[in-house]
């Protein structure tokens, strides 16, 4: 079962507090084998409302902080990538120093094995077949056929304007 949204909880608590203060200002309540005065009940509801309001405010602040952080990360991505690349080039032969920057040297990709090459070619052929992709010569070999078209020759001179 889903929990109610925070704004619904807050509005319900505010309504409960307002109704308690309006309709039951001098009442004794008995539940959970305890007796409570109106002042005690109202104080407890106010405490719960304050806690819920605090959570709501904190969520709003957190959402704003996350949004601002994401914008900052997007804005500075190119700068940080450039900085990291420069540091990697500066210390490419010193792994200890690179590790202190939490960076790894860029290594060359190992050549593909025979099995990887066969898999790559097979997968490419299957993709071309499924997408019906053709090369230049295959396309040139395709000729359209026209049937059911009657061509009427024009004989005679047309009017000149």
N, C-alpha and C. Protein backbone atom coordinates (compact mmCIF):
# COMPACT_ATOMS: atom_id res chain seq x y z
N UNK A 1 0.85 -1.18 0.00
CA UNK A 1 0.00 0.00 0.00
C UNK A 1 0.89 1.24 0.00
N UNK A 2 0.58 2.15 -0.87
CA UNK A 2 1.40 3.36 -0.98
C UNK A 2 1.10 4.31 0.17
N UNK A 3 2.12 5.02 0.60
CA UNK A 3 1.93 6.00 1.66
C UNK A 3 1.40 7.29 1.05
N UNK A 4 0.59 8.04 1.79
CA UNK A 4 0.06 9.28 1.23
C UNK A 4 1.17 10.28 0.99
N UNK A 5 0.96 11.13 0.02
CA UNK A 5 1.96 12.15 -0.27
C UNK A 5 2.08 13.11 0.90
N UNK A 6 3.25 13.69 1.02
CA UNK A 6 3.55 14.54 2.17
C UNK A 6 2.60 15.73 2.29
N UNK A 7 2.20 16.33 1.17
CA UNK A 7 1.31 17.49 1.26
C UNK A 7 -0.07 17.10 1.77
N UNK A 8 -0.52 15.89 1.47
CA UNK A 8 -1.81 15.41 2.00
C UNK A 8 -1.70 15.20 3.50
N UNK A 9 -0.60 14.61 3.94
CA UNK A 9 -0.39 14.40 5.38
C UNK A 9 -0.40 15.74 6.11
N UNK A 10 0.32 16.72 5.56
CA UNK A 10 0.37 18.04 6.20
C UNK A 10 -1.01 18.68 6.28
N UNK A 11 -1.77 18.62 5.20
CA UNK A 11 -3.10 19.24 5.22
C UNK A 11 -4.02 18.52 6.20
N UNK A 12 -3.92 17.21 6.30
CA UNK A 12 -4.74 16.47 7.26
C UNK A 12 -4.38 16.83 8.69
N UNK A 13 -3.09 16.94 8.98
CA UNK A 13 -2.66 17.31 10.33
C UNK A 13 -3.10 18.73 10.69
N UNK A 14 -3.00 19.65 9.73
CA UNK A 14 -3.45 21.03 9.99
C UNK A 14 -4.95 21.07 10.26
N UNK A 15 -5.72 20.31 9.48
CA UNK A 15 -7.17 20.28 9.70
C UNK A 15 -7.51 19.67 11.06
N UNK A 16 -6.81 18.60 11.42
CA UNK A 16 -7.04 17.98 12.72
C UNK A 16 -6.74 18.95 13.85
N UNK A 17 -5.65 19.67 13.76
CA UNK A 17 -5.27 20.63 14.79
C UNK A 17 -6.30 21.76 14.89
N UNK A 18 -6.70 22.29 13.74
CA UNK A 18 -7.68 23.38 13.75
C UNK A 18 -9.01 22.92 14.34
N UNK A 19 -9.46 21.72 13.98
CA UNK A 19 -10.73 21.21 14.50
C UNK A 19 -10.64 20.93 16.00
N UNK A 20 -9.52 20.40 16.46
CA UNK A 20 -9.35 20.16 17.89
C UNK A 20 -9.44 21.47 18.67
N UNK A 21 -8.76 22.50 18.18
CA UNK A 21 -8.77 23.79 18.87
C UNK A 21 -10.16 24.45 18.84
N UNK A 22 -10.91 24.21 17.77
CA UNK A 22 -12.22 24.85 17.62
C UNK A 22 -13.31 24.10 18.39
N UNK A 23 -13.38 22.78 18.23
CA UNK A 23 -14.49 22.02 18.78
C UNK A 23 -14.22 21.34 20.12
N UNK A 24 -12.98 21.04 20.43
CA UNK A 24 -12.67 20.29 21.65
C UNK A 24 -11.59 20.97 22.47
N UNK A 25 -11.76 22.25 22.84
CA UNK A 25 -10.70 22.93 23.57
C UNK A 25 -10.59 22.50 25.03
N UNK A 26 -11.67 21.99 25.63
CA UNK A 26 -11.66 21.61 27.05
C UNK A 26 -12.24 20.21 27.22
N UNK A 27 -11.61 19.26 26.59
CA UNK A 27 -12.13 17.89 26.62
C UNK A 27 -11.06 16.96 27.16
N UNK A 28 -11.54 15.92 27.80
CA UNK A 28 -10.64 14.86 28.25
C UNK A 28 -10.81 13.69 27.29
N UNK A 29 -9.67 13.15 26.88
CA UNK A 29 -9.66 12.02 25.95
C UNK A 29 -9.10 10.80 26.66
N UNK A 30 -9.69 9.64 26.33
CA UNK A 30 -9.18 8.41 26.92
C UNK A 30 -9.01 7.39 25.79
N UNK A 31 -7.76 7.01 25.55
CA UNK A 31 -7.46 5.95 24.59
C UNK A 31 -6.10 5.37 24.96
N UNK A 32 -5.87 4.14 24.53
CA UNK A 32 -4.65 3.41 24.88
C UNK A 32 -4.46 3.34 26.39
N UNK A 33 -5.55 3.18 27.12
CA UNK A 33 -5.54 3.07 28.60
C UNK A 33 -4.91 4.30 29.25
N UNK A 34 -4.97 5.43 28.61
CA UNK A 34 -4.43 6.68 29.15
C UNK A 34 -5.49 7.76 29.04
N UNK A 35 -5.38 8.75 29.91
CA UNK A 35 -6.26 9.91 29.86
C UNK A 35 -5.42 11.12 29.49
N UNK A 36 -5.94 11.91 28.52
CA UNK A 36 -5.23 13.08 28.03
C UNK A 36 -6.16 14.30 28.09
N UNK A 37 -5.57 15.45 28.39
CA UNK A 37 -6.32 16.70 28.32
C UNK A 37 -6.24 17.22 26.89
N UNK A 38 -7.09 18.18 26.57
CA UNK A 38 -7.05 18.79 25.23
C UNK A 38 -5.70 19.43 24.98
N UNK A 39 -5.14 20.07 25.97
CA UNK A 39 -3.85 20.73 25.80
C UNK A 39 -2.76 19.71 25.45
N UNK A 40 -2.79 18.54 26.10
CA UNK A 40 -1.81 17.52 25.80
C UNK A 40 -1.98 16.98 24.38
N UNK A 41 -3.23 16.76 24.00
CA UNK A 41 -3.49 16.23 22.66
C UNK A 41 -3.06 17.25 21.60
N UNK A 42 -3.44 18.52 21.82
CA UNK A 42 -3.09 19.57 20.86
C UNK A 42 -1.57 19.72 20.78
N UNK A 43 -0.89 19.66 21.90
CA UNK A 43 0.57 19.77 21.89
C UNK A 43 1.20 18.61 21.11
N UNK A 44 0.67 17.42 21.28
CA UNK A 44 1.21 16.25 20.56
C UNK A 44 0.96 16.37 19.06
N UNK A 45 -0.22 16.81 18.67
CA UNK A 45 -0.53 16.98 17.24
C UNK A 45 0.36 18.07 16.64
N UNK A 46 0.58 19.14 17.38
CA UNK A 46 1.48 20.20 16.90
C UNK A 46 2.90 19.67 16.69
N UNK A 47 3.36 18.82 17.61
CA UNK A 47 4.71 18.24 17.47
C UNK A 47 4.80 17.36 16.23
N UNK A 48 3.76 16.56 15.98
CA UNK A 48 3.76 15.70 14.80
C UNK A 48 3.72 16.56 13.53
N UNK A 49 2.90 17.63 13.54
CA UNK A 49 2.81 18.54 12.41
C UNK A 49 4.16 19.23 12.16
N UNK A 50 4.83 19.66 13.20
CA UNK A 50 6.13 20.32 13.05
C UNK A 50 7.15 19.37 12.45
N UNK A 51 7.12 18.12 12.89
CA UNK A 51 8.05 17.12 12.35
C UNK A 51 7.78 16.87 10.87
N UNK A 52 6.51 16.73 10.51
CA UNK A 52 6.15 16.51 9.10
C UNK A 52 6.52 17.72 8.25
N UNK A 53 6.32 18.91 8.78
CA UNK A 53 6.68 20.12 8.05
C UNK A 53 8.18 20.20 7.85
N UNK A 54 8.94 19.80 8.87
CA UNK A 54 10.40 19.79 8.78
C UNK A 54 10.85 18.84 7.66
N UNK A 55 10.23 17.66 7.58
CA UNK A 55 10.57 16.70 6.53
C UNK A 55 10.24 17.28 5.16
N UNK A 56 9.08 17.91 5.05
CA UNK A 56 8.68 18.51 3.78
C UNK A 56 9.67 19.60 3.35
N UNK A 57 10.06 20.44 4.27
CA UNK A 57 11.03 21.50 3.96
C UNK A 57 12.39 20.90 3.56
N UNK A 58 12.80 19.86 4.27
CA UNK A 58 14.09 19.23 3.96
C UNK A 58 14.06 18.58 2.58
N UNK A 59 12.93 17.97 2.22
CA UNK A 59 12.81 17.37 0.89
C UNK A 59 12.91 18.45 -0.19
N UNK A 60 12.28 19.57 0.04
CA UNK A 60 12.36 20.66 -0.93
C UNK A 60 13.78 21.17 -1.08
N UNK A 61 14.47 21.32 0.05
CA UNK A 61 15.86 21.77 0.02
C UNK A 61 16.74 20.75 -0.69
N UNK A 62 16.51 19.47 -0.40
CA UNK A 62 17.29 18.42 -1.05
C UNK A 62 17.04 18.41 -2.55
N UNK A 63 15.80 18.54 -2.97
CA UNK A 63 15.49 18.55 -4.40
C UNK A 63 16.17 19.72 -5.09
N UNK A 64 16.17 20.88 -4.45
CA UNK A 64 16.85 22.05 -5.01
C UNK A 64 18.36 21.81 -5.12
N UNK A 65 18.93 21.22 -4.08
CA UNK A 65 20.38 20.95 -4.07
C UNK A 65 20.75 19.95 -5.16
N UNK A 66 19.94 18.91 -5.34
CA UNK A 66 20.21 17.91 -6.38
C UNK A 66 20.11 18.54 -7.76
N UNK A 67 19.09 19.36 -7.99
CA UNK A 67 18.93 20.03 -9.28
C UNK A 67 20.13 20.94 -9.57
N UNK A 68 20.55 21.71 -8.56
CA UNK A 68 21.70 22.60 -8.74
C UNK A 68 22.99 21.82 -9.00
N UNK A 69 23.16 20.70 -8.30
CA UNK A 69 24.35 19.88 -8.50
C UNK A 69 24.39 19.30 -9.90
N UNK A 70 23.27 18.79 -10.39
CA UNK A 70 23.23 18.23 -11.74
C UNK A 70 23.54 19.30 -12.78
N UNK A 71 23.02 20.49 -12.59
CA UNK A 71 23.31 21.58 -13.52
C UNK A 71 24.80 21.92 -13.49
N UNK A 72 25.38 21.95 -12.31
CA UNK A 72 26.81 22.25 -12.17
C UNK A 72 27.65 21.15 -12.84
N UNK A 73 27.26 19.89 -12.65
CA UNK A 73 27.99 18.79 -13.27
C UNK A 73 27.94 18.88 -14.79
N UNK A 74 26.75 19.17 -15.36
CA UNK A 74 26.61 19.30 -16.80
C UNK A 74 27.45 20.48 -17.33
N UNK A 75 27.40 21.58 -16.60
CA UNK A 75 28.10 22.80 -17.03
C UNK A 75 29.61 22.59 -17.06
N UNK A 76 30.14 21.83 -16.11
CA UNK A 76 31.60 21.68 -15.98
C UNK A 76 32.14 20.35 -16.48
N UNK A 77 31.32 19.56 -17.18
CA UNK A 77 31.78 18.26 -17.66
C UNK A 77 32.96 18.40 -18.62
N UNK A 78 32.85 19.28 -19.59
CA UNK A 78 33.92 19.44 -20.57
C UNK A 78 35.21 19.91 -19.89
N UNK A 79 35.07 20.83 -18.95
CA UNK A 79 36.24 21.33 -18.22
C UNK A 79 36.94 20.19 -17.47
N UNK A 80 36.16 19.41 -16.71
CA UNK A 80 36.75 18.32 -15.92
C UNK A 80 37.34 17.23 -16.82
N UNK A 81 36.67 16.94 -17.94
CA UNK A 81 37.22 15.94 -18.86
C UNK A 81 38.55 16.42 -19.43
N UNK A 82 38.62 17.69 -19.79
CA UNK A 82 39.87 18.25 -20.31
C UNK A 82 40.98 18.21 -19.27
N UNK A 83 40.64 18.56 -18.04
CA UNK A 83 41.62 18.54 -16.96
C UNK A 83 42.14 17.13 -16.73
N UNK A 84 41.24 16.17 -16.67
CA UNK A 84 41.65 14.78 -16.46
C UNK A 84 42.54 14.30 -17.61
N UNK A 85 42.16 14.63 -18.84
CA UNK A 85 42.96 14.23 -20.00
C UNK A 85 44.36 14.82 -19.95
N UNK A 86 44.45 16.07 -19.56
CA UNK A 86 45.76 16.72 -19.46
C UNK A 86 46.62 16.06 -18.40
N UNK A 87 46.05 15.77 -17.25
CA UNK A 87 46.80 15.11 -16.18
C UNK A 87 47.25 13.72 -16.61
N UNK A 88 46.37 13.00 -17.30
CA UNK A 88 46.75 11.67 -17.78
C UNK A 88 47.92 11.75 -18.75
N UNK A 89 47.89 12.73 -19.65
CA UNK A 89 49.02 12.89 -20.59
C UNK A 89 50.30 13.32 -19.86
N UNK A 90 50.15 14.15 -18.83
CA UNK A 90 51.34 14.62 -18.10
C UNK A 90 52.02 13.47 -17.35
N UNK A 91 51.23 12.59 -16.75
CA UNK A 91 51.79 11.52 -15.91
C UNK A 91 51.50 10.14 -16.49
N UNK A 92 51.47 10.01 -17.80
CA UNK A 92 51.11 8.74 -18.43
C UNK A 92 52.05 7.60 -18.07
N UNK A 93 53.28 7.89 -17.73
CA UNK A 93 54.23 6.82 -17.39
C UNK A 93 54.44 6.68 -15.89
N UNK A 94 53.66 7.36 -15.07
CA UNK A 94 53.80 7.28 -13.62
C UNK A 94 52.46 6.87 -13.01
N UNK A 95 52.27 5.57 -12.86
CA UNK A 95 51.00 5.04 -12.37
C UNK A 95 50.69 5.46 -10.94
N UNK A 96 51.72 5.61 -10.12
CA UNK A 96 51.51 6.00 -8.73
C UNK A 96 50.90 7.39 -8.65
N UNK A 97 51.44 8.31 -9.39
CA UNK A 97 50.92 9.68 -9.38
C UNK A 97 49.51 9.72 -9.95
N UNK A 98 49.27 8.98 -11.04
CA UNK A 98 47.93 8.94 -11.62
C UNK A 98 46.91 8.37 -10.63
N UNK A 99 47.31 7.37 -9.86
CA UNK A 99 46.39 6.79 -8.90
C UNK A 99 46.06 7.77 -7.78
N UNK A 100 46.97 8.67 -7.45
CA UNK A 100 46.67 9.69 -6.45
C UNK A 100 45.63 10.68 -6.96
N UNK A 101 45.56 10.86 -8.28
CA UNK A 101 44.52 11.69 -8.89
C UNK A 101 43.24 10.89 -9.13
N UNK A 102 43.25 9.60 -8.77
CA UNK A 102 42.14 8.67 -9.02
C UNK A 102 41.90 8.52 -10.51
N UNK A 103 42.99 8.46 -11.28
CA UNK A 103 42.90 8.32 -12.73
C UNK A 103 43.66 7.08 -13.17
N UNK A 104 43.26 6.54 -14.32
CA UNK A 104 43.95 5.39 -14.89
C UNK A 104 44.49 5.79 -16.24
N UNK A 105 45.65 5.26 -16.61
CA UNK A 105 46.19 5.60 -17.93
C UNK A 105 45.32 5.00 -19.02
N UNK A 106 45.28 5.67 -20.15
CA UNK A 106 44.51 5.17 -21.27
C UNK A 106 45.36 4.12 -21.97
N UNK A 107 44.87 2.92 -21.99
CA UNK A 107 45.62 1.84 -22.62
C UNK A 107 45.09 1.57 -24.02
N UNK A 108 45.89 0.89 -24.83
CA UNK A 108 45.45 0.53 -26.16
C UNK A 108 44.57 -0.70 -26.07
N UNK A 109 43.59 -0.73 -26.93
CA UNK A 109 42.69 -1.88 -26.98
C UNK A 109 43.45 -3.07 -27.55
N UNK A 110 43.33 -4.24 -26.92
CA UNK A 110 44.03 -5.41 -27.46
C UNK A 110 43.39 -5.82 -28.79
N UNK A 111 44.18 -6.38 -29.70
CA UNK A 111 43.61 -6.80 -30.99
C UNK A 111 42.56 -7.89 -30.77
N UNK A 112 41.50 -7.90 -31.58
CA UNK A 112 40.45 -8.90 -31.38
C UNK A 112 40.96 -10.30 -31.71
N UNK A 113 40.42 -11.26 -31.01
CA UNK A 113 40.77 -12.65 -31.27
C UNK A 113 40.02 -13.11 -32.51
N UNK A 114 40.38 -14.29 -33.00
CA UNK A 114 39.70 -14.85 -34.17
C UNK A 114 38.21 -15.05 -33.92
N UNK A 115 37.88 -15.53 -32.73
CA UNK A 115 36.47 -15.74 -32.40
C UNK A 115 35.70 -14.43 -32.38
N UNK A 116 36.33 -13.37 -31.85
CA UNK A 116 35.67 -12.06 -31.81
C UNK A 116 35.44 -11.52 -33.22
N UNK A 117 36.41 -11.73 -34.12
CA UNK A 117 36.24 -11.27 -35.49
C UNK A 117 35.10 -12.02 -36.19
N UNK A 118 35.05 -13.34 -36.02
CA UNK A 118 33.99 -14.14 -36.62
C UNK A 118 32.63 -13.70 -36.08
N UNK A 119 32.56 -13.49 -34.77
CA UNK A 119 31.31 -13.05 -34.16
C UNK A 119 30.89 -11.69 -34.70
N UNK A 120 31.85 -10.79 -34.85
CA UNK A 120 31.56 -9.44 -35.34
C UNK A 120 31.00 -9.49 -36.77
N UNK A 121 31.64 -10.28 -37.66
CA UNK A 121 31.19 -10.38 -39.04
C UNK A 121 29.81 -11.04 -39.13
N UNK A 122 29.62 -12.09 -38.35
CA UNK A 122 28.33 -12.80 -38.35
C UNK A 122 27.21 -11.89 -37.86
N UNK A 123 27.48 -11.17 -36.81
CA UNK A 123 26.47 -10.27 -36.25
C UNK A 123 26.14 -9.16 -37.24
N UNK A 124 27.14 -8.62 -37.91
CA UNK A 124 26.93 -7.57 -38.90
C UNK A 124 26.08 -8.09 -40.07
N UNK A 125 26.38 -9.29 -40.54
CA UNK A 125 25.61 -9.87 -41.64
C UNK A 125 24.15 -10.10 -41.23
N UNK A 126 23.95 -10.58 -40.01
CA UNK A 126 22.59 -10.82 -39.52
C UNK A 126 21.82 -9.51 -39.40
N UNK A 127 22.49 -8.46 -38.95
CA UNK A 127 21.84 -7.15 -38.83
C UNK A 127 21.46 -6.62 -40.20
N UNK A 128 22.36 -6.72 -41.19
CA UNK A 128 22.07 -6.25 -42.55
C UNK A 128 20.89 -7.01 -43.14
N UNK A 129 20.84 -8.33 -42.89
CA UNK A 129 19.75 -9.14 -43.42
C UNK A 129 18.42 -8.75 -42.79
N UNK A 130 18.44 -8.57 -41.48
CA UNK A 130 17.19 -8.23 -40.77
C UNK A 130 16.69 -6.84 -41.17
N UNK A 131 17.60 -5.90 -41.35
CA UNK A 131 17.20 -4.53 -41.72
C UNK A 131 17.04 -4.37 -43.23
N UNK A 132 17.34 -5.42 -43.98
CA UNK A 132 17.30 -5.39 -45.44
C UNK A 132 18.21 -4.30 -45.99
N UNK A 133 19.38 -4.20 -45.41
CA UNK A 133 20.36 -3.22 -45.84
C UNK A 133 21.15 -3.80 -47.00
N UNK A 134 21.32 -3.01 -48.07
CA UNK A 134 22.03 -3.49 -49.25
C UNK A 134 23.19 -2.56 -49.58
N UNK A 135 24.15 -3.12 -50.23
CA UNK A 135 25.28 -2.33 -50.70
C UNK A 135 24.96 -1.66 -52.02
N UNK A 136 25.90 -0.90 -52.55
CA UNK A 136 25.70 -0.13 -53.78
C UNK A 136 25.39 -1.05 -54.97
N UNK A 137 26.12 -2.14 -55.13
CA UNK A 137 25.92 -3.05 -56.26
C UNK A 137 24.60 -3.80 -56.13
N UNK A 138 24.22 -4.16 -54.92
CA UNK A 138 22.95 -4.86 -54.73
C UNK A 138 21.78 -3.94 -55.07
N UNK A 139 21.89 -2.68 -54.70
CA UNK A 139 20.83 -1.73 -55.04
C UNK A 139 20.74 -1.52 -56.54
N UNK A 140 21.88 -1.47 -57.22
CA UNK A 140 21.90 -1.23 -58.66
C UNK A 140 21.28 -2.39 -59.42
N UNK A 141 21.32 -3.58 -58.89
CA UNK A 141 20.77 -4.75 -59.56
C UNK A 141 19.24 -4.79 -59.50
N UNK A 142 18.65 -4.01 -58.65
CA UNK A 142 17.19 -4.02 -58.49
C UNK A 142 16.58 -3.10 -59.53
N UNK A 143 15.68 -3.66 -60.35
CA UNK A 143 14.98 -2.88 -61.36
C UNK A 143 13.48 -3.03 -61.13
N UNK A 144 12.77 -1.95 -61.24
CA UNK A 144 11.33 -1.99 -61.06
C UNK A 144 10.62 -2.42 -62.33
N UNK A 145 9.45 -3.05 -62.17
CA UNK A 145 8.64 -3.47 -63.31
C UNK A 145 7.34 -2.71 -63.25
N UNK A 146 6.92 -2.23 -64.41
CA UNK A 146 5.67 -1.48 -64.50
C UNK A 146 4.70 -2.30 -65.32
N UNK A 147 3.53 -2.57 -64.79
CA UNK A 147 2.51 -3.32 -65.52
C UNK A 147 1.19 -2.57 -65.43
N UNK A 148 0.38 -2.76 -66.45
CA UNK A 148 -0.97 -2.18 -66.43
C UNK A 148 -1.02 -0.71 -66.77
N UNK A 149 0.02 -0.16 -67.38
CA UNK A 149 0.01 1.25 -67.73
C UNK A 149 -0.14 1.36 -69.24
N UNK A 150 -1.10 2.14 -69.69
CA UNK A 150 -1.33 2.33 -71.11
C UNK A 150 -0.75 3.68 -71.50
N UNK A 151 0.10 3.67 -72.50
CA UNK A 151 0.71 4.91 -72.97
C UNK A 151 -0.01 5.32 -74.25
N UNK A 152 -0.54 6.51 -74.25
CA UNK A 152 -1.26 7.03 -75.41
C UNK A 152 -0.36 8.04 -76.11
N UNK A 153 0.04 7.73 -77.37
CA UNK A 153 0.89 8.69 -78.08
C UNK A 153 0.09 9.92 -78.49
N UNK A 154 0.73 11.04 -78.50
CA UNK A 154 0.10 12.29 -78.89
C UNK A 154 0.47 12.54 -80.36
N UNK A 155 -0.54 12.60 -81.21
CA UNK A 155 -0.30 12.91 -82.60
C UNK A 155 -1.02 14.19 -82.94
N UNK A 156 -0.43 15.01 -83.63
CA UNK A 156 -1.06 16.25 -84.02
C UNK A 156 -0.40 17.40 -83.32
N UNK A 157 -0.68 18.53 -83.83
CA UNK A 157 -0.06 19.73 -83.29
C UNK A 157 -0.97 20.34 -82.24
N UNK A 158 -0.37 20.80 -81.25
CA UNK A 158 -1.12 21.51 -80.21
C UNK A 158 -1.30 22.96 -80.58
N UNK A 159 -2.16 23.66 -79.88
CA UNK A 159 -2.39 25.07 -80.14
C UNK A 159 -1.25 25.88 -79.61
N UNK A 160 -0.89 26.86 -80.38
CA UNK A 160 0.14 27.80 -79.90
C UNK A 160 -0.57 29.04 -79.45
N UNK A 161 -0.12 29.55 -78.34
CA UNK A 161 -0.78 30.66 -77.72
C UNK A 161 -0.38 31.96 -78.16
